[in-house]
Amino acid sequence: VDPTIDWREGNATSLPVSATEQFTVLTCHQGLQFMQDKPAAIREMRRVLARGGRVAIATWRSLADTPGMIELNAVAERSLGRIVDSRHSLGDADALKNLLVDAGFSDVSVGTLAHDVQFADGALFARLNAMAVIGMSEKGKAMSEAERGELAVQIAAESQDVIARTTKNGMFVLPLSTNIATARV
């Protein structure tokens, strides 16, 4: 741990930053989509930025923009029922832009970055993804830790056809696209 860094833990809607502290840059990478009160989190980001300060926020695009995840979720839904995948809950670029504008940010811009993410261990990715979607499902929330673990192994095994189809040169390849929003106070 670097002793020159002032580490703080807090809630995104009530950051542990006093009114006398201000930042010139704030980033939020793949977090905003998980926050219950997104407008409050955006307002809090604005509060802690100095005049002229900049914010950069990245959120996954919609599930429809991520075909590989659609396939993996479909496998999981056979065991879990419908999943509301919160990783994609702020995939609409206009919705992200409107959150920033509504909070009083200026020079708001939202672009898309698309790239292939590569994983050396597709089976591990399938298991981690299974664990994530189990946690997002109503059925999974009602299970014990042991039951979730067993189901994750099962879903990962059932996902191997998807993993195999998208493995190239020994690497599991997942095309992902992300919204990247920037704005100023």
C-alpha atoms as a PDB file:
ATOM      1  CA  VAL A   1       0.000   0.000   0.000  1.00  0.00           C
ATOM      2  CA  ASP A   2       1.341   3.414  -0.969  1.00  0.00           C
ATOM      3  CA  PRO A   3       1.418   5.624   2.155  1.00  0.00           C
ATOM      4  CA  THR A   4       1.075   8.768   0.020  1.00  0.00           C
ATOM      5  CA  ILE A   5      -2.423   7.755  -1.090  1.00  0.00           C
ATOM      6  CA  ASP A   6      -5.350   8.850   1.054  1.00  0.00           C
ATOM      7  CA  TRP A   7      -7.600   5.768   0.774  1.00  0.00           C
ATOM      8  CA  ARG A   8     -11.221   6.251   1.814  1.00  0.00           C
ATOM      9  CA  GLU A   9     -14.174   3.922   1.784  1.00  0.00           C
ATOM     10  CA  GLY A  10     -17.656   5.305   1.388  1.00  0.00           C
ATOM     11  CA  ASN A  11     -21.000   5.324  -0.311  1.00  0.00           C
ATOM     12  CA  ALA A  12     -21.184   6.720  -3.847  1.00  0.00           C
ATOM     13  CA  THR A  13     -24.175   8.873  -2.920  1.00  0.00           C
ATOM     14  CA  SER A  14     -22.389  10.324   0.107  1.00  0.00           C
ATOM     15  CA  LEU A  15     -18.667  10.397  -0.585  1.00  0.00           C
ATOM     16  CA  PRO A  16     -16.360  10.829   2.417  1.00  0.00           C
ATOM     17  CA  VAL A  17     -15.169  14.187   1.095  1.00  0.00           C
ATOM     18  CA  SER A  18     -15.665  17.404   3.047  1.00  0.00           C
ATOM     19  CA  ALA A  19     -16.993  20.605   1.506  1.00  0.00           C
ATOM     20  CA  THR A  20     -13.470  22.086   1.630  1.00  0.00           C
ATOM     21  CA  GLU A  21     -11.954  19.244  -0.432  1.00  0.00           C
ATOM     22  CA  GLN A  22     -12.255  19.402  -4.209  1.00  0.00           C
ATOM     23  CA  PHE A  23     -10.853  17.310  -7.026  1.00  0.00           C
ATOM     24  CA  THR A  24      -9.941  18.213 -10.568  1.00  0.00           C
ATOM     25  CA  VAL A  25     -10.559  14.759 -12.023  1.00  0.00           C
ATOM     26  CA  LEU A  26     -12.961  11.998 -11.022  1.00  0.00           C
ATOM     27  CA  THR A  27     -13.327   8.618 -12.723  1.00  0.00           C
ATOM     28  CA  CYS A  28     -15.868   5.866 -12.323  1.00  0.00           C
ATOM     29  CA  HIS A  29     -15.037   2.733 -14.283  1.00  0.00           C
ATOM     30  CA  GLN A  30     -17.782   0.120 -14.565  1.00  0.00           C
ATOM     31  CA  GLY A  31     -19.451   1.082 -11.291  1.00  0.00           C
ATOM     32  CA  LEU A  32     -22.294   3.504 -11.953  1.00  0.00           C
ATOM     33  CA  GLN A  33     -24.518   0.830 -13.505  1.00  0.00           C
ATOM     34  CA  PHE A  34     -24.586  -1.021 -10.168  1.00  0.00           C
ATOM     35  CA  MET A  35     -25.632   1.963  -8.066  1.00  0.00           C
ATOM     36  CA  GLN A  36     -29.226   2.031  -6.860  1.00  0.00           C
ATOM     37  CA  ASP A  37     -29.607   5.808  -7.043  1.00  0.00           C
ATOM     38  CA  LYS A  38     -27.673   6.801 -10.157  1.00  0.00           C
ATOM     39  CA  PRO A  39     -28.813  10.478 -10.167  1.00  0.00           C
ATOM     40  CA  ALA A  40     -27.679  10.890  -6.541  1.00  0.00           C
ATOM     41  CA  ALA A  41     -24.301   9.330  -7.344  1.00  0.00           C
ATOM     42  CA  ILE A  42     -23.829  11.700 -10.292  1.00  0.00           C
ATOM     43  CA  ARG A  43     -24.798  14.706  -8.158  1.00  0.00           C
ATOM     44  CA  GLU A  44     -22.259  13.590  -5.554  1.00  0.00           C
ATOM     45  CA  MET A  45     -19.565  13.327  -8.235  1.00  0.00           C
ATOM     46  CA  ARG A  46     -20.332  16.907  -9.228  1.00  0.00           C
ATOM     47  CA  ARG A  47     -20.263  18.071  -5.603  1.00  0.00           C
ATOM     48  CA  VAL A  48     -16.680  16.903  -5.054  1.00  0.00           C
ATOM     49  CA  LEU A  49     -15.303  18.366  -8.281  1.00  0.00           C
ATOM     50  CA  ALA A  50     -13.696  21.803  -8.374  1.00  0.00           C
ATOM     51  CA  ARG A  51     -14.922  24.405 -10.843  1.00  0.00           C
ATOM     52  CA  GLY A  52     -13.645  23.261 -14.231  1.00  0.00           C
ATOM     53  CA  GLY A  53     -13.123  19.742 -12.898  1.00  0.00           C
ATOM     54  CA  ARG A  54     -13.628  16.803 -15.204  1.00  0.00           C
ATOM     55  CA  VAL A  55     -15.396  13.480 -14.842  1.00  0.00           C
ATOM     56  CA  ALA A  56     -14.977  10.304 -16.927  1.00  0.00           C
ATOM     57  CA  ILE A  57     -17.463   7.461 -16.538  1.00  0.00           C
ATOM     58  CA  ALA A  58     -17.445   4.076 -18.260  1.00  0.00           C
ATOM     59  CA  THR A  59     -20.434   1.710 -18.327  1.00  0.00           C
ATOM     60  CA  TRP A  60     -21.012  -1.445 -20.332  1.00  0.00           C
ATOM     61  CA  ARG A  61     -23.308  -0.997 -23.312  1.00  0.00           C
ATOM     62  CA  SER A  62     -26.632  -2.826 -23.391  1.00  0.00           C
ATOM     63  CA  LEU A  63     -26.851  -6.592 -23.325  1.00  0.00           C
ATOM     64  CA  ALA A  64     -28.096  -6.427 -26.928  1.00  0.00           C
ATOM     65  CA  ASP A  65     -24.703  -4.942 -27.844  1.00  0.00           C
ATOM     66  CA  THR A  66     -22.865  -7.918 -26.307  1.00  0.00           C
ATOM     67  CA  PRO A  67     -23.874 -11.105 -28.166  1.00  0.00           C
ATOM     68  CA  GLY A  68     -21.470 -13.350 -26.256  1.00  0.00           C
ATOM     69  CA  MET A  69     -23.038 -12.327 -22.957  1.00  0.00           C
ATOM     70  CA  ILE A  70     -26.521 -12.913 -24.396  1.00  0.00           C
ATOM     71  CA  GLU A  71     -25.518 -16.505 -25.163  1.00  0.00           C
ATOM     72  CA  LEU A  72     -23.947 -17.082 -21.745  1.00  0.00           C
ATOM     73  CA  ASN A  73     -26.957 -15.573 -19.978  1.00  0.00           C
ATOM     74  CA  ALA A  74     -29.296 -17.772 -22.016  1.00  0.00           C
ATOM     75  CA  VAL A  75     -27.425 -20.841 -20.768  1.00  0.00           C
ATOM     76  CA  ALA A  76     -27.733 -19.634 -17.176  1.00  0.00           C
ATOM     77  CA  GLU A  77     -31.418 -18.762 -17.549  1.00  0.00           C
ATOM     78  CA  ARG A  78     -32.217 -22.425 -18.251  1.00  0.00           C
ATOM     79  CA  SER A  79     -31.394 -23.080 -14.585  1.00  0.00           C
ATOM     80  CA  LEU A  80     -32.221 -19.709 -13.040  1.00  0.00           C
ATOM     81  CA  GLY A  81     -35.153 -18.278 -14.924  1.00  0.00           C
ATOM     82  CA  ARG A  82     -35.041 -14.695 -16.147  1.00  0.00           C
ATOM     83  CA  ILE A  83     -31.944 -12.702 -15.176  1.00  0.00           C
ATOM     84  CA  VAL A  84     -31.823  -8.917 -14.946  1.00  0.00           C
ATOM     85  CA  ASP A  85     -28.149  -8.362 -15.748  1.00  0.00           C
ATOM     86  CA  SER A  86     -27.249  -5.156 -13.903  1.00  0.00           C
ATOM     87  CA  ARG A  87     -23.877  -5.014 -15.641  1.00  0.00           C
ATOM     88  CA  HIS A  88     -25.769  -3.647 -18.653  1.00  0.00           C
ATOM     89  CA  SER A  89     -28.318  -1.490 -16.797  1.00  0.00           C
ATOM     90  CA  LEU A  90     -26.824   1.790 -18.024  1.00  0.00           C
ATOM     91  CA  GLY A  91     -26.069   0.715 -21.568  1.00  0.00           C
ATOM     92  CA  ASP A  92     -28.067   3.488 -23.205  1.00  0.00           C
ATOM     93  CA  ALA A  93     -25.642   6.303 -24.087  1.00  0.00           C
ATOM     94  CA  ASP A  94     -28.443   8.898 -24.061  1.00  0.00           C
ATOM     95  CA  ALA A  95     -29.522   7.882 -20.552  1.00  0.00           C
ATOM     96  CA  LEU A  96     -25.939   8.288 -19.332  1.00  0.00           C
ATOM     97  CA  LYS A  97     -25.655  11.677 -21.032  1.00  0.00           C
ATOM     98  CA  ASN A  98     -28.969  12.843 -19.551  1.00  0.00           C
ATOM     99  CA  LEU A  99     -27.836  11.894 -16.030  1.00  0.00           C
ATOM    100  CA  LEU A 100     -24.820  14.160 -16.399  1.00  0.00           C
ATOM    101  CA  VAL A 101     -26.747  17.035 -17.986  1.00  0.00           C
ATOM    102  CA  ASP A 102     -29.491  16.817 -15.356  1.00  0.00           C
ATOM    103  CA  ALA A 103     -26.854  17.033 -12.604  1.00  0.00           C
ATOM    104  CA  GLY A 104     -25.526  20.290 -14.060  1.00  0.00           C
ATOM    105  CA  PHE A 105     -22.443  19.071 -15.904  1.00  0.00           C
ATOM    106  CA  SER A 106     -21.398  20.853 -19.097  1.00  0.00           C
ATOM    107  CA  ASP A 107     -19.464  19.798 -22.194  1.00  0.00           C
ATOM    108  CA  VAL A 108     -21.044  16.349 -21.857  1.00  0.00           C
ATOM    109  CA  SER A 109     -19.890  13.838 -24.432  1.00  0.00           C
ATOM    110  CA  VAL A 110     -20.584  10.111 -24.665  1.00  0.00           C
ATOM    111  CA  GLY A 111     -18.718   7.848 -27.026  1.00  0.00           C
ATOM    112  CA  THR A 112     -18.415   4.120 -27.482  1.00  0.00           C
ATOM    113  CA  LEU A 113     -15.326   1.993 -27.251  1.00  0.00           C
ATOM    114  CA  ALA A 114     -15.599  -1.533 -28.619  1.00  0.00           C
ATOM    115  CA  HIS A 115     -12.851  -4.114 -28.380  1.00  0.00           C
ATOM    116  CA  ASP A 116     -12.254  -7.808 -27.958  1.00  0.00           C
ATOM    117  CA  VAL A 117     -11.352  -8.873 -24.440  1.00  0.00           C
ATOM    118  CA  GLN A 118      -9.260 -12.032 -24.342  1.00  0.00           C
ATOM    119  CA  PHE A 119      -9.095 -14.570 -21.528  1.00  0.00           C
ATOM    120  CA  ALA A 120      -6.527 -17.337 -21.344  1.00  0.00           C
ATOM    121  CA  ASP A 121      -8.948 -19.486 -19.331  1.00  0.00           C
ATOM    122  CA  GLY A 122     -12.409 -19.535 -20.894  1.00  0.00           C
ATOM    123  CA  ALA A 123     -13.626 -22.122 -18.371  1.00  0.00           C
ATOM    124  CA  LEU A 124     -12.720 -19.792 -15.505  1.00  0.00           C
ATOM    125  CA  PHE A 125     -14.504 -16.913 -17.230  1.00  0.00           C
ATOM    126  CA  ALA A 126     -17.613 -19.102 -17.629  1.00  0.00           C
ATOM    127  CA  ARG A 127     -17.558 -19.941 -13.913  1.00  0.00           C
ATOM    128  CA  LEU A 128     -17.035 -16.319 -12.833  1.00  0.00           C
ATOM    129  CA  ASN A 129     -19.823 -15.196 -15.155  1.00  0.00           C
ATOM    130  CA  ALA A 130     -22.102 -17.925 -13.789  1.00  0.00           C
ATOM    131  CA  MET A 131     -21.410 -16.749 -10.242  1.00  0.00           C
ATOM    132  CA  ALA A 132     -22.223 -13.150 -11.255  1.00  0.00           C
ATOM    133  CA  VAL A 133     -25.545 -13.970 -12.917  1.00  0.00           C
ATOM    134  CA  ILE A 134     -26.568 -16.338 -10.119  1.00  0.00           C
ATOM    135  CA  GLY A 135     -26.121 -13.419  -7.730  1.00  0.00           C
ATOM    136  CA  MET A 136     -28.330 -11.240  -9.942  1.00  0.00           C
ATOM    137  CA  SER A 137     -31.165 -13.765 -10.167  1.00  0.00           C
ATOM    138  CA  GLU A 138     -34.052 -14.090  -7.727  1.00  0.00           C
ATOM    139  CA  LYS A 139     -33.515 -17.852  -7.534  1.00  0.00           C
ATOM    140  CA  GLY A 140     -29.810 -17.406  -6.801  1.00  0.00           C
ATOM    141  CA  LYS A 141     -30.445 -14.834  -4.067  1.00  0.00           C
ATOM    142  CA  ALA A 142     -32.533 -17.426  -2.215  1.00  0.00           C
ATOM    143  CA  MET A 143     -29.822 -20.118  -2.347  1.00  0.00           C
ATOM    144  CA  SER A 144     -27.150 -20.931   0.184  1.00  0.00           C
ATOM    145  CA  GLU A 145     -23.513 -20.207  -0.652  1.00  0.00           C
ATOM    146  CA  ALA A 146     -22.897 -23.922  -1.246  1.00  0.00           C
ATOM    147  CA  GLU A 147     -25.905 -24.214  -3.568  1.00  0.00           C
ATOM    148  CA  ARG A 148     -24.750 -21.178  -5.560  1.00  0.00           C
ATOM    149  CA  GLY A 149     -21.282 -22.720  -5.882  1.00  0.00           C
ATOM    150  CA  GLU A 150     -22.664 -26.023  -7.151  1.00  0.00           C
ATOM    151  CA  LEU A 151     -24.949 -24.275  -9.626  1.00  0.00           C
ATOM    152  CA  ALA A 152     -22.068 -22.104 -10.878  1.00  0.00           C
ATOM    153  CA  VAL A 153     -20.078 -25.245 -11.683  1.00  0.00           C
ATOM    154  CA  GLN A 154     -23.085 -26.691 -13.544  1.00  0.00           C
ATOM    155  CA  ILE A 155     -23.782 -23.504 -15.527  1.00  0.00           C
ATOM    156  CA  ALA A 156     -20.085 -23.116 -16.377  1.00  0.00           C
ATOM    157  CA  ALA A 157     -20.021 -26.689 -17.698  1.00  0.00           C
ATOM    158  CA  GLU A 158     -23.148 -26.033 -19.768  1.00  0.00           C
ATOM    159  CA  SER A 159     -21.493 -22.856 -21.139  1.00  0.00           C
ATOM    160  CA  GLN A 160     -18.522 -24.700 -22.621  1.00  0.00           C
ATOM    161  CA  ASP A 161     -20.055 -24.854 -26.130  1.00  0.00           C
ATOM    162  CA  VAL A 162     -20.303 -21.047 -26.142  1.00  0.00           C
ATOM    163  CA  ILE A 163     -16.750 -20.756 -24.822  1.00  0.00           C
ATOM    164  CA  ALA A 164     -15.410 -23.221 -27.392  1.00  0.00           C
ATOM    165  CA  ARG A 165     -17.091 -21.409 -30.317  1.00  0.00           C
ATOM    166  CA  THR A 166     -15.442 -18.128 -29.387  1.00  0.00           C
ATOM    167  CA  THR A 167     -11.990 -19.445 -28.476  1.00  0.00           C
ATOM    168  CA  LYS A 168      -9.330 -18.502 -30.986  1.00  0.00           C
ATOM    169  CA  ASN A 169      -5.666 -19.487 -30.741  1.00  0.00           C
ATOM    170  CA  GLY A 170      -6.273 -20.787 -27.225  1.00  0.00           C
ATOM    171  CA  MET A 171      -7.850 -17.531 -26.020  1.00  0.00           C
ATOM    172  CA  PHE A 172     -11.526 -17.030 -25.182  1.00  0.00           C
ATOM    173  CA  VAL A 173     -12.526 -13.844 -27.021  1.00  0.00           C
ATOM    174  CA  LEU A 174     -15.427 -11.701 -25.825  1.00  0.00           C
ATOM    175  CA  PRO A 175     -16.330  -8.623 -27.858  1.00  0.00           C
ATOM    176  CA  LEU A 176     -17.345  -5.870 -25.409  1.00  0.00           C
ATOM    177  CA  SER A 177     -18.522  -2.337 -25.957  1.00  0.00           C
ATOM    178  CA  THR A 178     -18.491   0.406 -23.371  1.00  0.00           C
ATOM    179  CA  ASN A 179     -19.998   3.872 -23.101  1.00  0.00           C
ATOM    180  CA  ILE A 180     -17.413   6.442 -22.104  1.00  0.00           C
ATOM    181  CA  ALA A 181     -18.833   9.725 -20.876  1.00  0.00           C
ATOM    182  CA  THR A 182     -16.818  12.832 -20.155  1.00  0.00           C
ATOM    183  CA  ALA A 183     -18.026  16.154 -18.765  1.00  0.00           C
ATOM    184  CA  ARG A 184     -16.974  19.298 -16.902  1.00  0.00           C
ATOM    185  CA  VAL A 185     -18.269  21.178 -13.889  1.00  0.00           C
END
